[in-house]
């Protein structure tokens, strides 16, 4: 996959350039567009908690609760990638964005809807709700 478009909750947020994958996880670089600003605080909060330098001590209860809240919000997002080279949607179960890096868990794939390129053989106005009544033949 060369590039894909990232959608969260139905909004296009930028471009993903995959670098590698392991099992069902993909990793790569993320180039956000302006719409990503709506989601940036959530990903930023998660990143700050994950990178907090605590001198090797265990995470305290308050930080653990904050991490749990951030991860629950991330997991509630409806995330998809649109792979343009294959006209394929990739359903994503989890995603994390940390600066320019992105990781995602693939949970499904399906073809993207194609646009109609030919005219339909019958126009909707040519279709009647009932077939025409049959005429009776005269006996004899």
N, C-alpha and C. Protein backbone atom coordinates (compact mmCIF):
# COMPACT_ATOMS: atom_id res chain seq x y z
N UNK A 1 0.86 -1.16 0.00
CA UNK A 1 0.00 0.00 0.00
C UNK A 1 0.91 1.22 0.00
N UNK A 2 0.74 2.07 -0.96
CA UNK A 2 1.55 3.30 -1.02
C UNK A 2 1.05 4.34 -0.05
N UNK A 3 -0.21 4.71 -0.17
CA UNK A 3 -0.82 5.65 0.77
C UNK A 3 -2.29 5.27 0.97
N UNK A 4 -2.82 5.76 2.06
CA UNK A 4 -4.24 5.57 2.35
C UNK A 4 -4.74 6.86 2.98
N UNK A 5 -6.05 7.05 2.93
CA UNK A 5 -6.66 8.22 3.55
C UNK A 5 -7.29 7.77 4.86
N UNK A 6 -7.04 8.52 5.94
CA UNK A 6 -7.55 8.19 7.26
C UNK A 6 -8.88 8.90 7.50
N UNK A 7 -9.88 8.13 7.93
CA UNK A 7 -11.19 8.67 8.28
C UNK A 7 -11.49 8.30 9.72
N UNK A 8 -11.90 9.27 10.51
CA UNK A 8 -12.35 9.02 11.87
C UNK A 8 -13.73 9.66 12.02
N UNK A 9 -14.67 8.86 12.47
CA UNK A 9 -16.06 9.30 12.64
C UNK A 9 -16.59 9.96 11.37
N UNK A 10 -16.21 9.40 10.23
CA UNK A 10 -16.69 9.89 8.94
C UNK A 10 -15.97 11.09 8.38
N UNK A 11 -14.95 11.60 9.07
CA UNK A 11 -14.23 12.78 8.61
C UNK A 11 -12.84 12.39 8.11
N UNK A 12 -12.48 12.90 6.94
CA UNK A 12 -11.14 12.64 6.42
C UNK A 12 -10.14 13.52 7.16
N UNK A 13 -9.13 12.89 7.75
CA UNK A 13 -8.19 13.62 8.62
C UNK A 13 -6.77 13.68 8.10
N UNK A 14 -6.46 13.00 7.02
CA UNK A 14 -5.10 13.06 6.52
C UNK A 14 -4.71 11.82 5.75
N UNK A 15 -3.41 11.72 5.48
CA UNK A 15 -2.86 10.65 4.67
C UNK A 15 -1.92 9.78 5.49
N UNK A 16 -2.00 8.49 5.27
CA UNK A 16 -1.14 7.52 5.94
C UNK A 16 -0.20 6.91 4.91
N UNK A 17 1.08 6.89 5.25
CA UNK A 17 2.08 6.21 4.42
C UNK A 17 2.58 5.00 5.22
N UNK A 18 2.05 3.82 4.94
CA UNK A 18 2.46 2.63 5.69
C UNK A 18 3.94 2.32 5.50
N UNK A 19 4.58 1.84 6.55
CA UNK A 19 5.99 1.48 6.51
C UNK A 19 6.18 -0.02 6.69
N UNK A 20 5.46 -0.63 7.64
CA UNK A 20 5.56 -2.07 7.83
C UNK A 20 4.34 -2.57 8.58
N UNK A 21 4.25 -3.89 8.70
CA UNK A 21 3.14 -4.48 9.41
C UNK A 21 3.63 -5.73 10.14
N UNK A 22 2.91 -6.07 11.18
CA UNK A 22 3.19 -7.28 11.95
C UNK A 22 1.85 -7.84 12.39
N UNK A 23 1.57 -9.07 11.99
CA UNK A 23 0.29 -9.70 12.27
C UNK A 23 -0.82 -8.80 11.71
N UNK A 24 -1.74 -8.38 12.55
CA UNK A 24 -2.84 -7.54 12.07
C UNK A 24 -2.60 -6.06 12.34
N UNK A 25 -1.40 -5.68 12.76
CA UNK A 25 -1.07 -4.29 13.05
C UNK A 25 -0.30 -3.67 11.89
N UNK A 26 -0.64 -2.43 11.57
CA UNK A 26 0.09 -1.66 10.58
C UNK A 26 0.74 -0.47 11.25
N UNK A 27 1.87 -0.03 10.72
CA UNK A 27 2.59 1.12 11.25
C UNK A 27 3.05 2.00 10.09
N UNK A 28 3.10 3.29 10.33
CA UNK A 28 3.54 4.17 9.27
C UNK A 28 3.61 5.61 9.73
N UNK A 29 3.61 6.49 8.74
CA UNK A 29 3.67 7.93 8.99
C UNK A 29 2.32 8.54 8.68
N UNK A 30 1.97 9.55 9.46
CA UNK A 30 0.68 10.23 9.31
C UNK A 30 0.92 11.69 8.98
N UNK A 31 0.28 12.17 7.90
CA UNK A 31 0.31 13.57 7.51
C UNK A 31 -1.10 14.13 7.67
N UNK A 32 -1.36 14.87 8.78
CA UNK A 32 -2.72 15.35 9.04
C UNK A 32 -3.12 16.49 8.12
N UNK A 33 -4.43 16.65 7.97
CA UNK A 33 -4.95 17.85 7.32
C UNK A 33 -5.56 18.73 8.43
N UNK A 34 -6.17 19.84 8.07
CA UNK A 34 -6.70 20.77 9.06
C UNK A 34 -7.79 20.16 9.94
N UNK A 35 -8.56 19.22 9.42
CA UNK A 35 -9.65 18.62 10.18
C UNK A 35 -9.14 17.78 11.35
N UNK A 36 -7.88 17.37 11.33
CA UNK A 36 -7.33 16.57 12.42
C UNK A 36 -7.32 17.34 13.74
N UNK A 37 -7.32 18.66 13.69
CA UNK A 37 -7.29 19.48 14.89
C UNK A 37 -8.36 19.12 15.91
N UNK A 38 -9.51 18.65 15.45
CA UNK A 38 -10.59 18.24 16.34
C UNK A 38 -10.18 17.06 17.23
N UNK A 39 -9.33 16.18 16.70
CA UNK A 39 -8.94 14.96 17.40
C UNK A 39 -7.55 15.04 18.01
N UNK A 40 -6.78 16.06 17.67
CA UNK A 40 -5.40 16.19 18.14
C UNK A 40 -5.28 16.18 19.67
N UNK A 41 -6.15 16.87 20.42
CA UNK A 41 -6.01 16.83 21.89
C UNK A 41 -6.12 15.42 22.48
N UNK A 42 -6.99 14.61 21.93
CA UNK A 42 -7.15 13.25 22.43
C UNK A 42 -5.88 12.43 22.20
N UNK A 43 -5.35 12.47 20.98
CA UNK A 43 -4.13 11.72 20.69
C UNK A 43 -2.94 12.31 21.45
N UNK A 44 -2.91 13.63 21.61
CA UNK A 44 -1.84 14.29 22.36
C UNK A 44 -1.85 13.90 23.82
N UNK A 45 -3.02 13.81 24.42
CA UNK A 45 -3.15 13.42 25.82
C UNK A 45 -2.62 12.01 26.02
N UNK A 46 -3.04 11.10 25.16
CA UNK A 46 -2.56 9.71 25.24
C UNK A 46 -1.04 9.67 25.13
N UNK A 47 -0.49 10.40 24.17
CA UNK A 47 0.96 10.41 23.95
C UNK A 47 1.72 10.95 25.16
N UNK A 48 1.23 12.04 25.75
CA UNK A 48 1.91 12.61 26.92
C UNK A 48 1.94 11.62 28.08
N UNK A 49 0.84 10.93 28.30
CA UNK A 49 0.80 9.95 29.39
C UNK A 49 1.78 8.80 29.10
N UNK A 50 1.79 8.32 27.88
CA UNK A 50 2.66 7.19 27.53
C UNK A 50 4.14 7.55 27.62
N UNK A 51 4.48 8.81 27.38
CA UNK A 51 5.89 9.21 27.37
C UNK A 51 6.33 9.90 28.66
N UNK A 52 5.45 9.93 29.64
CA UNK A 52 5.79 10.58 30.90
C UNK A 52 7.02 9.89 31.50
N UNK A 53 8.03 10.66 31.81
CA UNK A 53 9.25 10.12 32.41
C UNK A 53 9.08 10.15 33.92
N UNK A 54 8.87 8.96 34.48
CA UNK A 54 8.65 8.89 35.92
C UNK A 54 9.85 8.30 36.66
N UNK A 55 11.00 8.29 36.02
CA UNK A 55 12.20 7.78 36.66
C UNK A 55 12.14 6.29 36.94
N UNK A 56 11.35 5.56 36.16
CA UNK A 56 11.27 4.13 36.33
C UNK A 56 10.24 3.67 37.35
N UNK A 57 9.56 4.62 37.99
CA UNK A 57 8.53 4.24 38.96
C UNK A 57 7.27 3.79 38.25
N UNK A 58 6.45 3.05 38.95
CA UNK A 58 5.18 2.62 38.38
C UNK A 58 4.23 3.80 38.29
N UNK A 59 3.31 3.70 37.34
CA UNK A 59 2.31 4.75 37.14
C UNK A 59 1.39 4.81 38.36
N UNK A 60 1.16 6.02 38.88
CA UNK A 60 0.27 6.13 40.04
C UNK A 60 -1.18 5.95 39.58
N UNK A 61 -2.08 5.80 40.54
CA UNK A 61 -3.48 5.51 40.25
C UNK A 61 -4.14 6.60 39.41
N UNK A 62 -3.82 7.84 39.68
CA UNK A 62 -4.43 8.95 38.92
C UNK A 62 -4.00 8.89 37.45
N UNK A 63 -2.71 8.64 37.21
CA UNK A 63 -2.22 8.55 35.83
C UNK A 63 -2.81 7.31 35.14
N UNK A 64 -2.92 6.23 35.87
CA UNK A 64 -3.51 5.02 35.31
C UNK A 64 -4.95 5.28 34.90
N UNK A 65 -5.71 5.96 35.74
CA UNK A 65 -7.10 6.30 35.41
C UNK A 65 -7.17 7.21 34.18
N UNK A 66 -6.27 8.18 34.11
CA UNK A 66 -6.24 9.10 32.96
C UNK A 66 -5.90 8.35 31.67
N UNK A 67 -4.95 7.42 31.76
CA UNK A 67 -4.60 6.60 30.59
C UNK A 67 -5.80 5.75 30.17
N UNK A 68 -6.47 5.15 31.13
CA UNK A 68 -7.63 4.33 30.83
C UNK A 68 -8.72 5.16 30.14
N UNK A 69 -8.96 6.38 30.63
CA UNK A 69 -9.96 7.26 30.02
C UNK A 69 -9.58 7.59 28.57
N UNK A 70 -8.30 7.95 28.35
CA UNK A 70 -7.85 8.30 27.00
C UNK A 70 -7.96 7.10 26.06
N UNK A 71 -7.59 5.92 26.52
CA UNK A 71 -7.66 4.74 25.67
C UNK A 71 -9.11 4.36 25.38
N UNK A 72 -10.00 4.54 26.35
CA UNK A 72 -11.42 4.27 26.11
C UNK A 72 -11.97 5.22 25.04
N UNK A 73 -11.57 6.48 25.09
CA UNK A 73 -12.02 7.45 24.08
C UNK A 73 -11.46 7.09 22.70
N UNK A 74 -10.20 6.67 22.65
CA UNK A 74 -9.60 6.25 21.37
C UNK A 74 -10.33 5.04 20.81
N UNK A 75 -10.64 4.08 21.68
CA UNK A 75 -11.32 2.86 21.23
C UNK A 75 -12.74 3.13 20.76
N UNK A 76 -13.35 4.21 21.20
CA UNK A 76 -14.72 4.54 20.79
C UNK A 76 -14.79 5.19 19.42
N UNK A 77 -13.65 5.58 18.86
CA UNK A 77 -13.63 6.22 17.54
C UNK A 77 -13.97 5.20 16.46
N UNK A 78 -14.68 5.64 15.43
CA UNK A 78 -14.95 4.81 14.25
C UNK A 78 -13.88 5.15 13.22
N UNK A 79 -12.94 4.24 13.02
CA UNK A 79 -11.77 4.52 12.20
C UNK A 79 -11.74 3.62 10.97
N UNK A 80 -11.43 4.23 9.83
CA UNK A 80 -11.28 3.50 8.57
C UNK A 80 -10.12 4.09 7.79
N UNK A 81 -9.49 3.25 7.01
CA UNK A 81 -8.49 3.69 6.04
C UNK A 81 -9.04 3.37 4.65
N UNK A 82 -8.89 4.29 3.72
CA UNK A 82 -9.28 4.04 2.34
C UNK A 82 -8.01 3.84 1.53
N UNK A 83 -7.81 2.61 1.12
CA UNK A 83 -6.63 2.27 0.33
C UNK A 83 -6.97 2.54 -1.13
N UNK A 84 -6.36 3.58 -1.67
CA UNK A 84 -6.72 4.06 -3.00
C UNK A 84 -6.26 3.12 -4.12
N UNK A 85 -5.12 2.48 -3.96
CA UNK A 85 -4.59 1.63 -5.04
C UNK A 85 -5.43 0.39 -5.28
N UNK A 86 -6.23 -0.01 -4.30
CA UNK A 86 -7.08 -1.20 -4.44
C UNK A 86 -8.57 -0.89 -4.31
N UNK A 87 -8.92 0.38 -4.16
CA UNK A 87 -10.32 0.74 -3.89
C UNK A 87 -10.86 -0.12 -2.77
N UNK A 88 -10.17 -0.10 -1.63
CA UNK A 88 -10.50 -0.98 -0.52
C UNK A 88 -10.58 -0.18 0.78
N UNK A 89 -11.64 -0.46 1.57
CA UNK A 89 -11.75 0.09 2.91
C UNK A 89 -11.11 -0.88 3.88
N UNK A 90 -10.38 -0.35 4.83
CA UNK A 90 -9.80 -1.15 5.90
C UNK A 90 -10.45 -0.67 7.20
N UNK A 91 -11.17 -1.58 7.85
CA UNK A 91 -11.80 -1.26 9.13
C UNK A 91 -10.75 -1.40 10.22
N UNK A 92 -10.66 -0.39 11.08
CA UNK A 92 -9.62 -0.32 12.10
C UNK A 92 -10.27 -0.42 13.47
N UNK A 93 -9.76 -1.33 14.30
CA UNK A 93 -10.28 -1.51 15.64
C UNK A 93 -9.64 -0.58 16.64
N UNK A 94 -8.36 -0.32 16.50
CA UNK A 94 -7.63 0.58 17.39
C UNK A 94 -6.67 1.39 16.54
N UNK A 95 -6.46 2.63 16.96
CA UNK A 95 -5.48 3.48 16.29
C UNK A 95 -4.83 4.37 17.34
N UNK A 96 -3.52 4.58 17.18
CA UNK A 96 -2.82 5.57 18.00
C UNK A 96 -1.97 6.41 17.07
N UNK A 97 -1.96 7.69 17.33
CA UNK A 97 -1.13 8.63 16.56
C UNK A 97 -0.26 9.33 17.58
N UNK A 98 1.04 9.26 17.33
CA UNK A 98 2.03 9.82 18.24
C UNK A 98 3.00 10.65 17.41
N UNK A 99 2.74 11.97 17.37
CA UNK A 99 3.54 12.82 16.48
C UNK A 99 3.26 12.41 15.04
N UNK A 100 4.31 12.17 14.26
CA UNK A 100 4.11 11.79 12.86
C UNK A 100 3.87 10.29 12.66
N UNK A 101 3.92 9.52 13.74
CA UNK A 101 3.79 8.07 13.64
C UNK A 101 2.34 7.63 13.93
N UNK A 102 1.91 6.58 13.23
CA UNK A 102 0.57 6.03 13.42
C UNK A 102 0.67 4.52 13.44
N UNK A 103 -0.13 3.89 14.30
CA UNK A 103 -0.28 2.44 14.35
C UNK A 103 -1.76 2.13 14.35
N UNK A 104 -2.15 1.06 13.68
CA UNK A 104 -3.55 0.69 13.61
C UNK A 104 -3.70 -0.81 13.58
N UNK A 105 -4.83 -1.29 14.12
CA UNK A 105 -5.16 -2.72 14.13
C UNK A 105 -6.26 -2.97 13.12
N UNK A 106 -5.97 -3.81 12.14
CA UNK A 106 -6.94 -4.14 11.09
C UNK A 106 -7.93 -5.16 11.64
N UNK A 107 -9.23 -4.86 11.48
CA UNK A 107 -10.26 -5.81 11.89
C UNK A 107 -11.11 -6.29 10.71
N UNK A 108 -10.95 -5.67 9.55
CA UNK A 108 -11.71 -6.10 8.38
C UNK A 108 -11.33 -5.32 7.15
N UNK A 109 -11.68 -5.89 6.02
CA UNK A 109 -11.43 -5.25 4.72
C UNK A 109 -12.65 -5.49 3.83
N UNK A 110 -12.98 -4.50 3.01
CA UNK A 110 -14.05 -4.67 2.04
C UNK A 110 -13.88 -3.67 0.92
N UNK A 111 -14.41 -3.99 -0.27
CA UNK A 111 -14.25 -3.09 -1.41
C UNK A 111 -14.95 -1.76 -1.18
N UNK A 112 -14.34 -0.72 -1.71
CA UNK A 112 -14.99 0.60 -1.68
C UNK A 112 -16.08 0.60 -2.74
N UNK A 113 -17.14 1.33 -2.52
CA UNK A 113 -18.22 1.43 -3.51
C UNK A 113 -17.69 2.14 -4.74
N UNK A 114 -17.93 1.57 -5.86
CA UNK A 114 -17.49 2.19 -7.11
C UNK A 114 -18.58 3.11 -7.65
N UNK A 115 -18.14 4.15 -8.30
CA UNK A 115 -19.09 5.07 -8.93
C UNK A 115 -19.59 4.45 -10.22
N UNK A 116 -20.83 4.71 -10.54
CA UNK A 116 -21.39 4.20 -11.79
C UNK A 116 -20.70 4.89 -12.96
N UNK A 117 -20.23 4.10 -13.91
CA UNK A 117 -19.53 4.67 -15.06
C UNK A 117 -20.36 4.54 -16.33
N UNK A 118 -21.45 3.78 -16.28
CA UNK A 118 -22.31 3.64 -17.44
C UNK A 118 -23.72 4.05 -17.07
N UNK A 119 -24.49 4.41 -18.09
CA UNK A 119 -25.87 4.81 -17.85
C UNK A 119 -26.71 3.56 -17.63
N UNK A 120 -27.69 3.64 -16.74
CA UNK A 120 -28.56 2.47 -16.55
C UNK A 120 -29.36 2.19 -17.82
N UNK A 121 -29.66 0.92 -18.06
CA UNK A 121 -30.41 0.53 -19.25
C UNK A 121 -31.84 1.04 -19.20
N UNK A 122 -32.40 1.15 -18.01
CA UNK A 122 -33.78 1.60 -17.85
C UNK A 122 -33.78 2.78 -16.89
N UNK A 123 -34.44 3.86 -17.28
CA UNK A 123 -34.56 5.00 -16.38
C UNK A 123 -35.64 4.72 -15.36
N UNK A 124 -35.50 5.31 -14.19
CA UNK A 124 -36.49 5.10 -13.13
C UNK A 124 -37.88 5.52 -13.58
N UNK A 125 -37.99 6.55 -14.42
CA UNK A 125 -39.31 7.01 -14.87
C UNK A 125 -39.97 6.02 -15.82
N UNK A 126 -39.19 5.09 -16.39
CA UNK A 126 -39.76 4.08 -17.30
C UNK A 126 -40.33 2.89 -16.56
N UNK A 127 -40.13 2.82 -15.26
CA UNK A 127 -40.60 1.67 -14.49
C UNK A 127 -41.95 2.02 -13.88
N UNK A 128 -42.96 1.22 -14.21
CA UNK A 128 -44.28 1.45 -13.64
C UNK A 128 -44.42 0.61 -12.38
N UNK A 129 -45.27 1.06 -11.44
CA UNK A 129 -45.39 0.33 -10.19
C UNK A 129 -46.02 -1.06 -10.36
N UNK A 130 -46.89 -1.24 -11.36
CA UNK A 130 -47.52 -2.54 -11.63
C UNK A 130 -47.39 -2.85 -13.11
N UNK A 131 -47.33 -4.12 -13.41
CA UNK A 131 -47.32 -4.45 -14.84
C UNK A 131 -48.67 -4.08 -15.47
N UNK A 132 -48.71 -3.77 -16.75
CA UNK A 132 -49.98 -3.43 -17.38
C UNK A 132 -50.94 -4.62 -17.33
N UNK A 133 -52.25 -4.29 -17.27
CA UNK A 133 -53.29 -5.34 -17.23
C UNK A 133 -53.27 -6.11 -18.56
N UNK A 134 -53.48 -7.41 -18.46
CA UNK A 134 -53.51 -8.23 -19.68
C UNK A 134 -54.91 -8.14 -20.30
N UNK A 135 -54.98 -8.09 -21.58
CA UNK A 135 -56.29 -8.07 -22.25
C UNK A 135 -56.74 -9.50 -22.44
N UNK A 136 -58.06 -9.69 -22.32
CA UNK A 136 -58.62 -11.03 -22.50
C UNK A 136 -58.81 -11.33 -23.97
N UNK A 137 -58.57 -12.54 -24.27
CA UNK A 137 -58.83 -12.99 -25.64
C UNK A 137 -60.31 -13.36 -25.78
N UNK A 138 -60.80 -13.12 -26.92
CA UNK A 138 -62.19 -13.51 -27.18
C UNK A 138 -62.25 -15.02 -27.36
N UNK A 139 -63.29 -15.60 -26.79
CA UNK A 139 -63.44 -17.05 -26.90
C UNK A 139 -63.81 -17.41 -28.32
N UNK A 140 -63.29 -18.50 -28.80
CA UNK A 140 -63.77 -18.96 -30.07
C UNK A 140 -62.85 -19.13 -31.10
